[in-house]
């Protein structure tokens, strides 16, 4: 049995891309996270994982950095979450909007235990 918390649609402006013009601008990334908690939910009023702290940590990390590949960013974020929060599994989707003609979004999905 696994209990999940999730944060979907987290928007963060980032400096990311392989092209020179991308490194000169900030682009909005959309993050969808599914986090498997380390033990089943209890209802005693204590949080296992604070959604706000996770969102704030990702926002801080992404907004202060400069990245080339979404794949590298995804790996760094999943490692950070597993190290700093009480979760046993992370599924992360990162989307870039309107970067390819005729595509609403492109991105990566990564899952790590």
N, C-alpha and C. Protein backbone atom coordinates (compact mmCIF):
# COMPACT_ATOMS: atom_id res chain seq x y z
N UNK A 1 0.85 -1.18 0.00
CA UNK A 1 0.00 0.00 0.00
C UNK A 1 0.90 1.24 0.00
N UNK A 2 0.57 2.19 -0.86
CA UNK A 2 1.34 3.43 -0.95
C UNK A 2 0.39 4.63 -0.93
N UNK A 3 0.74 5.62 -0.15
CA UNK A 3 -0.01 6.86 -0.13
C UNK A 3 0.82 7.92 -0.85
N UNK A 4 0.12 8.76 -1.61
CA UNK A 4 0.77 9.78 -2.42
C UNK A 4 0.29 11.16 -2.02
N UNK A 5 1.18 12.12 -2.15
CA UNK A 5 0.78 13.51 -2.20
C UNK A 5 1.22 14.03 -3.55
N UNK A 6 0.58 15.06 -4.04
CA UNK A 6 1.00 15.58 -5.33
C UNK A 6 0.90 17.08 -5.39
N UNK A 7 1.72 17.62 -6.27
CA UNK A 7 1.71 19.04 -6.62
C UNK A 7 1.70 19.05 -8.15
N UNK A 8 0.67 19.57 -8.74
CA UNK A 8 0.57 19.64 -10.20
C UNK A 8 0.41 21.08 -10.63
N UNK A 9 1.05 21.44 -11.73
CA UNK A 9 0.91 22.77 -12.29
C UNK A 9 1.75 23.84 -11.62
N UNK A 10 2.83 23.45 -10.94
CA UNK A 10 3.73 24.42 -10.31
C UNK A 10 4.52 25.13 -11.41
N UNK A 11 4.34 26.44 -11.52
CA UNK A 11 5.01 27.22 -12.56
C UNK A 11 6.23 27.93 -11.96
N UNK A 12 7.36 27.75 -12.64
CA UNK A 12 8.60 28.39 -12.21
C UNK A 12 9.33 28.91 -13.45
N UNK A 13 9.76 30.16 -13.40
CA UNK A 13 10.56 30.71 -14.49
C UNK A 13 12.00 30.26 -14.33
N UNK A 14 12.58 29.79 -15.43
CA UNK A 14 13.92 29.21 -15.38
C UNK A 14 14.75 29.67 -16.56
N UNK A 15 16.06 29.66 -16.34
CA UNK A 15 17.00 29.85 -17.43
C UNK A 15 17.42 28.44 -17.85
N UNK A 16 16.90 28.01 -19.01
CA UNK A 16 17.14 26.63 -19.44
C UNK A 16 17.10 26.53 -20.95
N UNK A 17 17.97 25.70 -21.49
CA UNK A 17 17.93 25.44 -22.92
C UNK A 17 19.30 25.18 -23.50
N UNK A 18 19.30 24.51 -24.63
CA UNK A 18 20.57 24.18 -25.29
C UNK A 18 21.00 25.25 -26.27
N UNK A 19 20.07 26.08 -26.69
CA UNK A 19 20.39 27.11 -27.67
C UNK A 19 20.83 28.40 -26.97
N UNK A 20 21.70 29.13 -27.63
CA UNK A 20 22.22 30.38 -27.06
C UNK A 20 21.09 31.35 -26.72
N UNK A 21 20.11 31.48 -27.60
CA UNK A 21 19.01 32.41 -27.34
C UNK A 21 18.21 32.00 -26.11
N UNK A 22 18.14 30.69 -25.81
CA UNK A 22 17.41 30.24 -24.62
C UNK A 22 18.16 30.61 -23.34
N UNK A 23 19.46 30.66 -23.41
CA UNK A 23 20.25 31.01 -22.24
C UNK A 23 20.17 32.50 -21.90
N UNK A 24 19.63 33.30 -22.81
CA UNK A 24 19.50 34.74 -22.56
C UNK A 24 18.12 35.12 -22.02
N UNK A 25 17.20 34.18 -21.97
CA UNK A 25 15.84 34.48 -21.53
C UNK A 25 15.43 33.56 -20.39
N UNK A 26 14.30 33.86 -19.79
CA UNK A 26 13.72 32.98 -18.78
C UNK A 26 12.46 32.38 -19.41
N UNK A 27 12.27 31.09 -19.19
CA UNK A 27 11.12 30.38 -19.72
C UNK A 27 10.32 29.78 -18.57
N UNK A 28 9.02 29.77 -18.71
CA UNK A 28 8.18 29.16 -17.68
C UNK A 28 8.16 27.65 -17.86
N UNK A 29 8.50 26.95 -16.80
CA UNK A 29 8.40 25.50 -16.75
C UNK A 29 7.22 25.13 -15.87
N UNK A 30 6.57 24.02 -16.20
CA UNK A 30 5.46 23.51 -15.41
C UNK A 30 5.91 22.19 -14.79
N UNK A 31 5.77 22.08 -13.47
CA UNK A 31 6.17 20.89 -12.73
C UNK A 31 4.95 20.16 -12.20
N UNK A 32 4.90 18.86 -12.44
CA UNK A 32 3.90 17.97 -11.84
C UNK A 32 4.66 16.91 -11.05
N UNK A 33 4.39 16.84 -9.75
CA UNK A 33 5.08 15.88 -8.89
C UNK A 33 4.08 14.97 -8.21
N UNK A 34 4.42 13.68 -8.17
CA UNK A 34 3.70 12.70 -7.37
C UNK A 34 4.73 12.12 -6.41
N UNK A 35 4.47 12.25 -5.12
CA UNK A 35 5.42 11.84 -4.09
C UNK A 35 4.82 10.73 -3.25
N UNK A 36 5.48 9.58 -3.21
CA UNK A 36 5.05 8.48 -2.35
C UNK A 36 5.66 8.70 -0.97
N UNK A 37 4.80 8.81 0.03
CA UNK A 37 5.29 9.09 1.38
C UNK A 37 5.86 7.82 2.01
N UNK A 38 6.69 8.00 3.03
CA UNK A 38 7.41 6.87 3.62
C UNK A 38 6.53 5.97 4.47
N UNK A 39 5.42 6.48 4.97
CA UNK A 39 4.50 5.63 5.74
C UNK A 39 3.07 6.07 5.42
N UNK A 40 2.10 5.19 5.62
CA UNK A 40 0.71 5.54 5.31
C UNK A 40 0.28 6.80 6.05
N UNK A 41 -0.67 7.51 5.43
CA UNK A 41 -1.20 8.72 6.07
C UNK A 41 -1.74 8.40 7.45
N UNK A 42 -1.51 9.32 8.36
CA UNK A 42 -2.19 9.26 9.65
C UNK A 42 -3.01 10.53 9.75
N UNK A 43 -3.94 10.53 10.61
CA UNK A 43 -4.87 11.66 10.68
C UNK A 43 -4.79 12.34 12.03
N UNK A 44 -3.55 12.45 12.54
CA UNK A 44 -3.35 13.08 13.84
C UNK A 44 -3.01 14.56 13.72
N UNK A 45 -3.07 15.10 12.50
CA UNK A 45 -2.81 16.52 12.32
C UNK A 45 -1.37 16.86 12.03
N UNK A 46 -0.49 15.85 11.96
CA UNK A 46 0.92 16.09 11.67
C UNK A 46 1.21 15.78 10.21
N UNK A 47 1.92 16.69 9.56
CA UNK A 47 2.29 16.49 8.16
C UNK A 47 3.51 15.60 8.05
N UNK A 48 3.47 14.68 7.11
CA UNK A 48 4.69 13.94 6.77
C UNK A 48 5.55 14.78 5.84
N UNK A 49 4.90 15.38 4.86
CA UNK A 49 5.59 16.21 3.87
C UNK A 49 4.76 17.48 3.68
N UNK A 50 5.38 18.62 3.80
CA UNK A 50 4.69 19.90 3.66
C UNK A 50 4.73 20.32 2.18
N UNK A 51 3.57 20.36 1.54
CA UNK A 51 3.47 20.72 0.13
C UNK A 51 4.15 22.07 -0.14
N UNK A 52 3.90 23.01 0.74
CA UNK A 52 4.45 24.35 0.57
C UNK A 52 5.97 24.36 0.60
N UNK A 53 6.54 23.56 1.49
CA UNK A 53 8.01 23.49 1.57
C UNK A 53 8.60 22.85 0.32
N UNK A 54 7.95 21.81 -0.20
CA UNK A 54 8.42 21.17 -1.43
C UNK A 54 8.37 22.16 -2.58
N UNK A 55 7.24 22.84 -2.75
CA UNK A 55 7.08 23.81 -3.83
C UNK A 55 8.09 24.95 -3.70
N UNK A 56 8.29 25.44 -2.49
CA UNK A 56 9.24 26.53 -2.27
C UNK A 56 10.67 26.09 -2.58
N UNK A 57 11.02 24.87 -2.21
CA UNK A 57 12.38 24.37 -2.45
C UNK A 57 12.66 24.23 -3.94
N UNK A 58 11.69 23.69 -4.68
CA UNK A 58 11.85 23.55 -6.12
C UNK A 58 11.95 24.93 -6.77
N UNK A 59 11.06 25.84 -6.39
CA UNK A 59 11.07 27.19 -6.95
C UNK A 59 12.40 27.87 -6.70
N UNK A 60 12.92 27.78 -5.50
CA UNK A 60 14.20 28.40 -5.16
C UNK A 60 15.34 27.79 -5.97
N UNK A 61 15.38 26.47 -6.02
CA UNK A 61 16.44 25.77 -6.73
C UNK A 61 16.45 26.13 -8.22
N UNK A 62 15.28 26.09 -8.84
CA UNK A 62 15.18 26.34 -10.29
C UNK A 62 15.43 27.80 -10.62
N UNK A 63 14.85 28.70 -9.84
CA UNK A 63 14.95 30.12 -10.17
C UNK A 63 16.36 30.67 -9.97
N UNK A 64 17.16 30.05 -9.12
CA UNK A 64 18.52 30.53 -8.87
C UNK A 64 19.58 29.88 -9.76
N UNK A 65 19.18 28.83 -10.50
CA UNK A 65 20.14 28.10 -11.31
C UNK A 65 20.05 28.42 -12.79
N UNK A 66 20.95 27.82 -13.53
CA UNK A 66 20.96 27.89 -14.98
C UNK A 66 21.17 26.46 -15.47
N UNK A 67 20.33 26.02 -16.39
CA UNK A 67 20.33 24.63 -16.80
C UNK A 67 20.34 24.52 -18.31
N UNK A 68 20.89 23.43 -18.81
CA UNK A 68 20.92 23.19 -20.25
C UNK A 68 19.81 22.23 -20.64
N UNK A 69 19.75 21.08 -19.98
CA UNK A 69 18.79 20.04 -20.35
C UNK A 69 17.70 19.84 -19.30
N UNK A 70 16.49 19.62 -19.76
CA UNK A 70 15.39 19.26 -18.85
C UNK A 70 15.71 17.95 -18.13
N UNK A 71 16.34 17.02 -18.84
CA UNK A 71 16.67 15.73 -18.25
C UNK A 71 17.58 15.87 -17.03
N UNK A 72 18.57 16.75 -17.15
CA UNK A 72 19.49 16.99 -16.03
C UNK A 72 18.76 17.66 -14.88
N UNK A 73 17.94 18.64 -15.20
CA UNK A 73 17.16 19.33 -14.16
C UNK A 73 16.25 18.35 -13.44
N UNK A 74 15.59 17.47 -14.17
CA UNK A 74 14.70 16.48 -13.55
C UNK A 74 15.47 15.58 -12.60
N UNK A 75 16.63 15.12 -13.01
CA UNK A 75 17.45 14.26 -12.15
C UNK A 75 17.88 15.01 -10.89
N UNK A 76 18.29 16.25 -11.03
CA UNK A 76 18.72 17.04 -9.87
C UNK A 76 17.57 17.28 -8.90
N UNK A 77 16.39 17.56 -9.41
CA UNK A 77 15.24 17.82 -8.53
C UNK A 77 14.80 16.55 -7.81
N UNK A 78 14.74 15.43 -8.52
CA UNK A 78 14.33 14.19 -7.83
C UNK A 78 15.34 13.81 -6.75
N UNK A 79 16.61 13.99 -7.02
CA UNK A 79 17.63 13.72 -6.01
C UNK A 79 17.46 14.62 -4.80
N UNK A 80 17.23 15.90 -5.06
CA UNK A 80 17.02 16.87 -3.98
C UNK A 80 15.81 16.49 -3.11
N UNK A 81 14.70 16.16 -3.74
CA UNK A 81 13.48 15.81 -3.00
C UNK A 81 13.69 14.55 -2.16
N UNK A 82 14.28 13.53 -2.76
CA UNK A 82 14.53 12.29 -2.01
C UNK A 82 15.47 12.51 -0.83
N UNK A 83 16.41 13.41 -0.98
CA UNK A 83 17.39 13.69 0.08
C UNK A 83 16.79 14.54 1.20
N UNK A 84 15.92 15.51 0.86
CA UNK A 84 15.49 16.50 1.84
C UNK A 84 14.10 16.26 2.43
N UNK A 85 13.31 15.38 1.83
CA UNK A 85 11.95 15.18 2.32
C UNK A 85 11.69 13.70 2.57
N UNK A 86 10.70 13.43 3.40
CA UNK A 86 10.38 12.05 3.78
C UNK A 86 9.48 11.40 2.73
N UNK A 87 10.10 11.11 1.59
CA UNK A 87 9.39 10.41 0.52
C UNK A 87 10.24 9.24 0.06
N UNK A 88 9.58 8.20 -0.44
CA UNK A 88 10.33 7.04 -0.92
C UNK A 88 10.33 6.92 -2.43
N UNK A 89 9.50 7.69 -3.11
CA UNK A 89 9.44 7.65 -4.56
C UNK A 89 9.00 9.01 -5.07
N UNK A 90 9.59 9.42 -6.19
CA UNK A 90 9.23 10.69 -6.82
C UNK A 90 8.95 10.42 -8.29
N UNK A 91 7.82 10.89 -8.76
CA UNK A 91 7.52 10.90 -10.19
C UNK A 91 7.38 12.38 -10.56
N UNK A 92 8.20 12.83 -11.50
CA UNK A 92 8.26 14.24 -11.85
C UNK A 92 8.09 14.42 -13.35
N UNK A 93 7.20 15.32 -13.71
CA UNK A 93 7.04 15.72 -15.11
C UNK A 93 7.38 17.20 -15.18
N UNK A 94 8.26 17.55 -16.13
CA UNK A 94 8.60 18.95 -16.37
C UNK A 94 8.22 19.26 -17.82
N UNK A 95 7.46 20.33 -18.00
CA UNK A 95 7.02 20.74 -19.33
C UNK A 95 7.54 22.12 -19.67
N UNK A 96 7.97 22.28 -20.94
CA UNK A 96 8.29 23.59 -21.52
C UNK A 96 7.15 23.89 -22.49
N UNK A 97 6.68 25.12 -22.46
CA UNK A 97 5.54 25.49 -23.29
C UNK A 97 5.97 26.16 -24.58
N UNK A 98 5.24 25.86 -25.65
CA UNK A 98 5.36 26.55 -26.95
C UNK A 98 6.80 26.68 -27.44
N UNK A 99 7.60 25.66 -27.28
CA UNK A 99 8.99 25.70 -27.72
C UNK A 99 9.16 25.10 -29.11
N UNK A 100 8.22 24.22 -29.49
CA UNK A 100 8.24 23.59 -30.80
C UNK A 100 6.96 23.97 -31.53
N UNK A 101 7.08 24.44 -32.76
CA UNK A 101 5.87 24.80 -33.52
C UNK A 101 4.88 23.63 -33.56
N UNK A 102 3.62 23.94 -33.42
CA UNK A 102 2.52 22.98 -33.48
C UNK A 102 2.48 22.00 -32.30
N UNK A 103 3.26 22.25 -31.25
CA UNK A 103 3.19 21.43 -30.04
C UNK A 103 2.90 22.36 -28.86
N UNK A 104 1.91 22.01 -28.08
CA UNK A 104 1.54 22.81 -26.92
C UNK A 104 2.66 22.81 -25.88
N UNK A 105 3.27 21.64 -25.69
CA UNK A 105 4.33 21.52 -24.70
C UNK A 105 5.23 20.34 -25.04
N UNK A 106 6.44 20.38 -24.52
CA UNK A 106 7.38 19.26 -24.60
C UNK A 106 7.94 19.08 -23.20
N UNK A 107 8.53 17.93 -22.95
CA UNK A 107 9.09 17.76 -21.63
C UNK A 107 9.62 16.37 -21.35
N UNK A 108 9.84 16.13 -20.07
CA UNK A 108 10.36 14.85 -19.61
C UNK A 108 9.55 14.37 -18.42
N UNK A 109 9.56 13.07 -18.24
CA UNK A 109 8.99 12.44 -17.05
C UNK A 109 10.06 11.52 -16.49
N UNK A 110 10.27 11.62 -15.19
CA UNK A 110 11.30 10.82 -14.53
C UNK A 110 10.68 10.27 -13.26
N UNK A 111 11.05 9.03 -12.93
CA UNK A 111 10.59 8.43 -11.68
C UNK A 111 11.78 7.78 -11.01
N UNK A 112 11.94 8.10 -9.73
CA UNK A 112 13.06 7.55 -8.96
C UNK A 112 12.59 7.08 -7.60
N UNK A 113 13.11 5.92 -7.21
CA UNK A 113 12.82 5.42 -5.84
C UNK A 113 13.76 6.04 -4.83
